[in-house]
Amino acid sequence: MGIRHNKAKKEILRKDGLFYHPTFVKKTERTEIIEWLKTLHPIWEMRFSEHNPPPEGDEQRQLKRPVYWLGNWQFACLNYYHPPKGIHNRCVKGEDYPPVLKTILKTVEGITRAQFKKNEVPKDWQLNTCLINFYGSSIDPLTGKKNDTARVGDHKDFELGPVASISFGERAFFQFVLGKKDLTNNILYEQWIDDCSLQIFGGELYKDRAFHRVQRVENKLKTFFDLNVQNFETRRINFTFRYVPKEHIIEFQKLPKELQADITPYMEELALNSDHFRKALAKK
């Protein structure tokens, strides 16, 4: 049976392989991060591409939410980073973290090394890559109809070592699950993820064996983030920090030509508002 986290209590949770602090980010830090987020222009990606077509029985589709990556960009059509086999040509060098995140991450990395076993933290481990997910509702530009896409199905983060995440906005109902999706008693642990919270998970159980998912995101506050995202209402933002060895992060121009062609439209879109990606394209 699943173990339920008491959502009424604002308490720090320490389990073997799981750490949760419900009020980790300071209000001043939150304000600074949200203001910085307003300078970004998240993009919508398609899951597949010309040189990575959908497998038999699947079809091309847009991801459920706009995204932005820091440290390196793992484009969906490059199949993400998936060691031990999927490590090459997956991680394109991205923009650096803003100062406020660098400061926060020093503390997060210290907590991780203190809370997790030495064999669970790789020798050169550091949280050098980040996926920013924007959760909310897409809006049909013609009809104005809203479609709530604030959820993520069962998946694993395959980067080595513990994963840390920081969240802002509405609470999210988060679950760790074991086994097949059709099992009714496969919930390992579940909890509500709060605004300004820090979650870290790692180790053999929560990272290697278990899948995790976001079942739903509340819509009680009725407040949305004012961001540069067209036809989308963002009510939750989640930063997921991970570790990719430096030797697996490559410059755009070092990708094979066919993979460059697949992601060039995204690079050009990013370059409209990013010096980093504009310079990367100029080197091509």
Protein backbone atom coordinates (compact mmCIF):
# COMPACT_ATOMS: atom_id res chain seq x y z
CA MET A 1 0.00 0.00 0.00
CA GLY A 2 1.12 3.58 -0.61
CA ILE A 3 2.47 5.79 2.15
CA ARG A 4 0.78 9.17 2.35
CA HIS A 5 2.67 12.30 3.34
CA ASN A 6 0.66 14.48 5.73
CA LYS A 7 -0.07 17.47 3.52
CA ALA A 8 -1.27 19.59 6.44
CA LYS A 9 2.11 19.75 8.15
CA LYS A 10 4.97 21.94 6.94
CA GLU A 11 7.74 19.62 8.03
CA ILE A 12 11.10 18.54 6.68
CA LEU A 13 11.04 14.93 5.52
CA ARG A 14 14.13 12.72 5.71
CA LYS A 15 13.91 9.19 4.39
CA ASP A 16 16.54 6.83 3.03
CA GLY A 17 16.75 8.10 -0.56
CA LEU A 18 14.30 10.98 -0.20
CA PHE A 19 14.55 14.49 1.27
CA TYR A 20 11.85 17.14 1.25
CA HIS A 21 11.88 20.68 2.62
CA PRO A 22 8.48 22.43 2.15
CA THR A 23 9.72 26.04 2.60
CA PHE A 24 13.30 25.88 1.33
CA VAL A 25 13.44 28.93 -0.98
CA LYS A 26 13.38 32.32 0.73
CA LYS A 27 10.80 34.90 -0.35
CA THR A 28 13.50 37.24 -1.64
CA GLU A 29 15.04 34.42 -3.67
CA ARG A 30 11.63 33.48 -5.04
CA THR A 31 11.00 37.02 -6.18
CA GLU A 32 14.39 37.21 -7.89
CA ILE A 33 13.90 33.87 -9.65
CA ILE A 34 10.42 34.76 -10.91
CA GLU A 35 11.69 38.09 -12.27
CA TRP A 36 14.51 36.27 -14.05
CA LEU A 37 12.03 33.76 -15.50
CA LYS A 38 10.24 36.67 -17.17
CA THR A 39 13.34 37.19 -19.32
CA LEU A 40 13.15 33.67 -20.76
CA HIS A 41 11.21 32.59 -23.81
CA PRO A 42 10.27 28.92 -23.29
CA ILE A 43 9.64 26.85 -26.40
CA TRP A 44 7.33 24.06 -27.48
CA GLU A 45 9.09 20.97 -28.76
CA MET A 46 7.89 18.09 -30.90
CA ARG A 47 8.73 14.60 -29.65
CA PHE A 48 10.20 13.33 -32.92
CA SER A 49 11.99 14.67 -36.00
CA GLU A 50 12.99 13.81 -39.58
CA HIS A 51 15.98 11.74 -38.50
CA ASN A 52 14.26 10.36 -35.39
CA PRO A 53 10.78 9.48 -36.68
CA PRO A 54 8.03 8.03 -34.47
CA PRO A 55 8.34 4.28 -33.86
CA GLU A 56 5.75 1.99 -35.39
CA GLY A 57 2.38 2.53 -33.74
CA ASP A 58 3.30 5.99 -32.47
CA GLU A 59 2.84 9.42 -34.04
CA GLN A 60 4.43 12.84 -34.03
CA ARG A 61 3.19 15.01 -31.17
CA GLN A 62 3.91 18.20 -29.33
CA LEU A 63 5.07 17.96 -25.72
CA LYS A 64 2.38 18.77 -23.16
CA ARG A 65 4.13 21.85 -21.85
CA PRO A 66 6.67 24.50 -22.84
CA VAL A 67 10.18 23.97 -21.47
CA TYR A 68 13.52 25.64 -20.96
CA TRP A 69 16.88 24.01 -20.16
CA LEU A 70 19.98 25.36 -18.42
CA GLY A 71 23.49 23.91 -18.46
CA ASN A 72 22.66 21.77 -21.45
CA TRP A 73 19.59 21.38 -23.61
CA GLN A 74 18.31 17.86 -24.08
CA PHE A 75 16.02 18.23 -27.06
CA ALA A 76 13.20 15.68 -27.10
CA CYS A 77 13.99 14.58 -30.65
CA LEU A 78 17.56 13.76 -29.59
CA ASN A 79 16.06 11.24 -27.14
CA TYR A 80 17.35 12.85 -23.95
CA TYR A 81 20.29 11.64 -21.87
CA HIS A 82 19.96 7.95 -21.03
CA PRO A 83 23.09 6.24 -19.67
CA PRO A 84 24.67 3.84 -20.08
CA LYS A 85 23.79 3.57 -23.79
CA GLY A 86 22.26 6.94 -24.62
CA ILE A 87 25.07 9.31 -23.72
CA HIS A 88 26.38 10.68 -27.03
CA ASN A 89 24.83 13.54 -29.02
CA ARG A 90 22.09 14.05 -26.44
CA CYS A 91 23.21 17.14 -24.50
CA VAL A 92 23.80 20.40 -26.35
CA LYS A 93 25.60 23.08 -24.36
CA GLY A 94 23.12 25.58 -22.92
CA GLU A 95 23.02 28.78 -20.93
CA ASP A 96 24.50 29.12 -17.47
CA TYR A 97 22.50 29.44 -14.27
CA PRO A 98 21.64 32.92 -12.98
CA PRO A 99 23.51 33.93 -9.78
CA VAL A 100 20.52 33.33 -7.49
CA LEU A 101 20.27 29.68 -8.61
CA LYS A 102 24.02 29.16 -8.28
CA THR A 103 23.84 30.29 -4.65
CA ILE A 104 20.87 28.06 -3.89
CA LEU A 105 22.49 25.04 -5.55
CA LYS A 106 25.57 25.26 -3.35
CA THR A 107 23.29 24.63 -0.38
CA VAL A 108 21.33 21.93 -2.19
CA GLU A 109 24.50 20.05 -3.13
CA GLY A 110 25.69 20.27 0.47
CA ILE A 111 22.39 18.87 1.74
CA THR A 112 22.58 16.05 -0.80
CA ARG A 113 26.07 14.98 0.22
CA ALA A 114 25.02 15.05 3.87
CA GLN A 115 21.74 13.16 3.42
CA PHE A 116 22.72 10.50 0.88
CA LYS A 117 25.17 7.62 1.09
CA LYS A 118 28.57 8.11 -0.53
CA ASN A 119 27.98 5.33 -3.04
CA GLU A 120 24.78 7.09 -4.17
CA VAL A 121 26.62 10.29 -5.17
CA PRO A 122 29.08 9.95 -8.11
CA LYS A 123 32.61 11.26 -7.58
CA ASP A 124 32.28 14.34 -9.79
CA TRP A 125 28.55 14.82 -9.18
CA GLN A 126 27.18 18.33 -9.35
CA LEU A 127 23.79 19.71 -10.36
CA ASN A 128 25.01 21.14 -13.66
CA THR A 129 21.89 20.74 -15.78
CA CYS A 130 18.32 21.84 -15.23
CA LEU A 131 14.98 21.27 -16.93
CA ILE A 132 12.40 23.97 -16.28
CA ASN A 133 8.86 22.66 -16.80
CA PHE A 134 5.88 25.00 -17.03
CA TYR A 135 2.66 23.37 -15.83
CA GLY A 136 -0.78 24.68 -16.64
CA SER A 137 -3.35 24.83 -19.41
CA SER A 138 -2.90 25.27 -23.14
CA ILE A 139 -5.32 27.69 -24.79
CA ASP A 140 -6.76 27.20 -28.25
CA PRO A 141 -5.90 30.46 -30.09
CA LEU A 142 -9.09 30.24 -32.16
CA THR A 143 -11.71 29.25 -29.59
CA GLY A 144 -10.04 30.25 -26.33
CA LYS A 145 -10.81 26.80 -24.93
CA LYS A 146 -8.44 25.67 -22.19
CA ASN A 147 -6.93 22.18 -21.93
CA ASP A 148 -5.37 21.30 -18.58
CA THR A 149 -2.06 19.50 -19.26
CA ALA A 150 -0.56 19.91 -15.77
CA ARG A 151 0.59 16.34 -15.24
CA VAL A 152 3.41 13.96 -16.16
CA GLY A 153 3.13 10.20 -16.60
CA ASP A 154 5.36 7.48 -15.17
CA HIS A 155 9.01 8.07 -16.03
CA LYS A 156 12.56 8.02 -14.68
CA ASP A 157 15.34 10.61 -14.74
CA PHE A 158 18.34 8.62 -15.95
CA GLU A 159 21.09 11.11 -15.19
CA LEU A 160 23.58 9.73 -12.65
CA GLY A 161 23.18 10.44 -8.94
CA PRO A 162 20.50 12.23 -6.93
CA VAL A 163 18.00 14.59 -8.58
CA ALA A 164 16.83 17.80 -6.93
CA SER A 165 13.79 19.90 -7.77
CA ILE A 166 12.48 23.29 -6.68
CA SER A 167 8.87 24.30 -7.29
CA PHE A 168 6.85 27.50 -7.44
CA GLY A 169 3.15 28.12 -7.68
CA GLU A 170 0.27 25.73 -7.09
CA ARG A 171 0.83 22.47 -5.23
CA ALA A 172 1.44 19.29 -7.21
CA PHE A 173 0.47 15.76 -6.21
CA PHE A 174 3.62 13.68 -6.74
CA GLN A 175 3.96 9.90 -6.62
CA PHE A 176 6.73 7.31 -6.70
CA VAL A 177 5.46 4.03 -8.15
CA LEU A 178 6.78 0.50 -8.66
CA GLY A 179 5.78 -2.01 -11.29
CA LYS A 180 3.32 -1.76 -14.14
CA LYS A 181 0.88 1.10 -14.63
CA ASP A 182 -2.21 -1.12 -14.34
CA LEU A 183 -1.43 -2.15 -10.76
CA THR A 184 -3.63 -0.46 -8.15
CA ASN A 185 -1.27 -0.97 -5.22
CA ASN A 186 2.02 0.03 -6.81
CA ILE A 187 2.38 3.39 -5.03
CA LEU A 188 5.64 3.50 -3.11
CA TYR A 189 5.22 7.02 -1.73
CA GLU A 190 3.12 10.08 -2.48
CA GLN A 191 3.15 13.66 -1.31
CA TRP A 192 2.13 17.21 -2.11
CA ILE A 193 4.88 19.42 -3.52
CA ASP A 194 4.57 22.97 -2.18
CA ASP A 195 5.49 26.43 -3.42
CA CYS A 196 9.16 27.21 -2.60
CA SER A 197 9.85 23.57 -1.70
CA LEU A 198 12.94 21.45 -2.31
CA GLN A 199 12.74 17.75 -3.11
CA ILE A 200 15.79 15.50 -3.54
CA PHE A 201 15.61 11.82 -4.40
CA GLY A 202 18.25 9.23 -5.22
CA GLY A 203 19.51 5.78 -4.42
CA GLU A 204 18.50 2.30 -5.47
CA LEU A 205 14.83 2.49 -4.48
CA TYR A 206 13.55 5.97 -5.34
CA LYS A 207 15.90 6.69 -8.27
CA ASP A 208 16.85 3.35 -9.85
CA ARG A 209 13.80 1.17 -9.27
CA ALA A 210 10.86 3.52 -8.90
CA PHE A 211 9.13 5.60 -11.53
CA HIS A 212 7.72 8.98 -10.59
CA ARG A 213 4.84 11.08 -11.89
CA VAL A 214 2.85 14.24 -11.31
CA GLN A 215 -0.79 13.20 -11.01
CA ARG A 216 -2.25 16.68 -10.93
CA VAL A 217 -1.57 20.30 -10.07
CA GLU A 218 -4.06 22.26 -7.99
CA ASN A 219 -5.86 25.31 -9.32
CA LYS A 220 -7.06 26.80 -6.07
CA LEU A 221 -5.14 30.08 -6.03
CA LYS A 222 -6.31 31.11 -9.51
CA THR A 223 -3.08 33.03 -10.01
CA PHE A 224 -0.87 32.60 -13.05
CA PHE A 225 2.71 33.53 -13.82
CA ASP A 226 3.17 36.35 -16.32
CA LEU A 227 5.69 34.74 -18.67
CA ASN A 228 6.70 34.81 -22.33
CA VAL A 229 4.61 31.79 -23.30
CA GLN A 230 1.95 32.12 -25.97
CA ASN A 231 -1.45 30.43 -25.59
CA PHE A 232 -0.64 28.94 -22.21
CA GLU A 233 -1.57 29.66 -18.58
CA THR A 234 1.28 28.69 -16.21
CA ARG A 235 0.25 27.95 -12.64
CA ARG A 236 3.26 25.89 -11.53
CA ILE A 237 6.97 26.03 -12.42
CA ASN A 238 9.35 23.22 -11.54
CA PHE A 239 13.15 23.26 -11.79
CA THR A 240 14.64 19.76 -11.98
CA PHE A 241 18.42 19.75 -11.39
CA ARG A 242 20.53 16.80 -12.53
CA TYR A 243 24.11 15.76 -13.27
CA VAL A 244 25.62 15.17 -16.71
CA PRO A 245 29.39 14.56 -16.98
CA LYS A 246 31.06 17.49 -18.74
CA GLU A 247 32.47 15.27 -21.48
CA HIS A 248 28.92 14.40 -22.57
CA ILE A 249 27.90 18.04 -23.08
CA ILE A 250 28.83 19.17 -26.58
CA GLU A 251 28.66 22.29 -28.73
CA PHE A 252 25.91 22.47 -31.32
CA GLN A 253 28.33 22.48 -34.27
CA LYS A 254 29.84 19.17 -33.08
CA LEU A 255 26.59 17.30 -33.55
CA PRO A 256 26.29 15.09 -36.64
CA LYS A 257 24.86 17.13 -39.54
CA GLU A 258 21.52 15.31 -39.59
CA LEU A 259 20.99 16.00 -35.88
CA GLN A 260 21.96 19.63 -36.35
CA ALA A 261 19.27 19.83 -39.03
CA ASP A 262 16.67 18.33 -36.67
CA ILE A 263 17.19 20.90 -33.93
CA THR A 264 18.13 23.96 -36.01
CA PRO A 265 14.52 25.31 -35.94
CA TYR A 266 14.58 25.20 -32.13
CA MET A 267 18.03 26.78 -32.01
CA GLU A 268 16.84 29.58 -34.30
CA GLU A 269 13.80 30.18 -32.13
CA LEU A 270 15.94 30.31 -28.99
CA ALA A 271 18.46 32.59 -30.72
CA LEU A 272 15.79 35.26 -31.15
CA ASN A 273 16.10 36.01 -27.42
CA SER A 274 19.38 34.39 -26.33
CA ASP A 275 22.95 35.51 -27.00
CA HIS A 276 24.17 32.02 -26.17
CA PHE A 277 22.15 30.30 -28.89
CA ARG A 278 22.73 33.12 -31.35
CA LYS A 279 26.49 32.65 -30.97
CA ALA A 280 26.14 28.85 -31.19
CA LEU A 281 24.38 29.17 -34.56
CA ALA A 282 26.96 31.68 -35.80
CA LYS A 283 29.72 29.10 -35.28
CA LYS A 284 27.96 26.60 -37.53
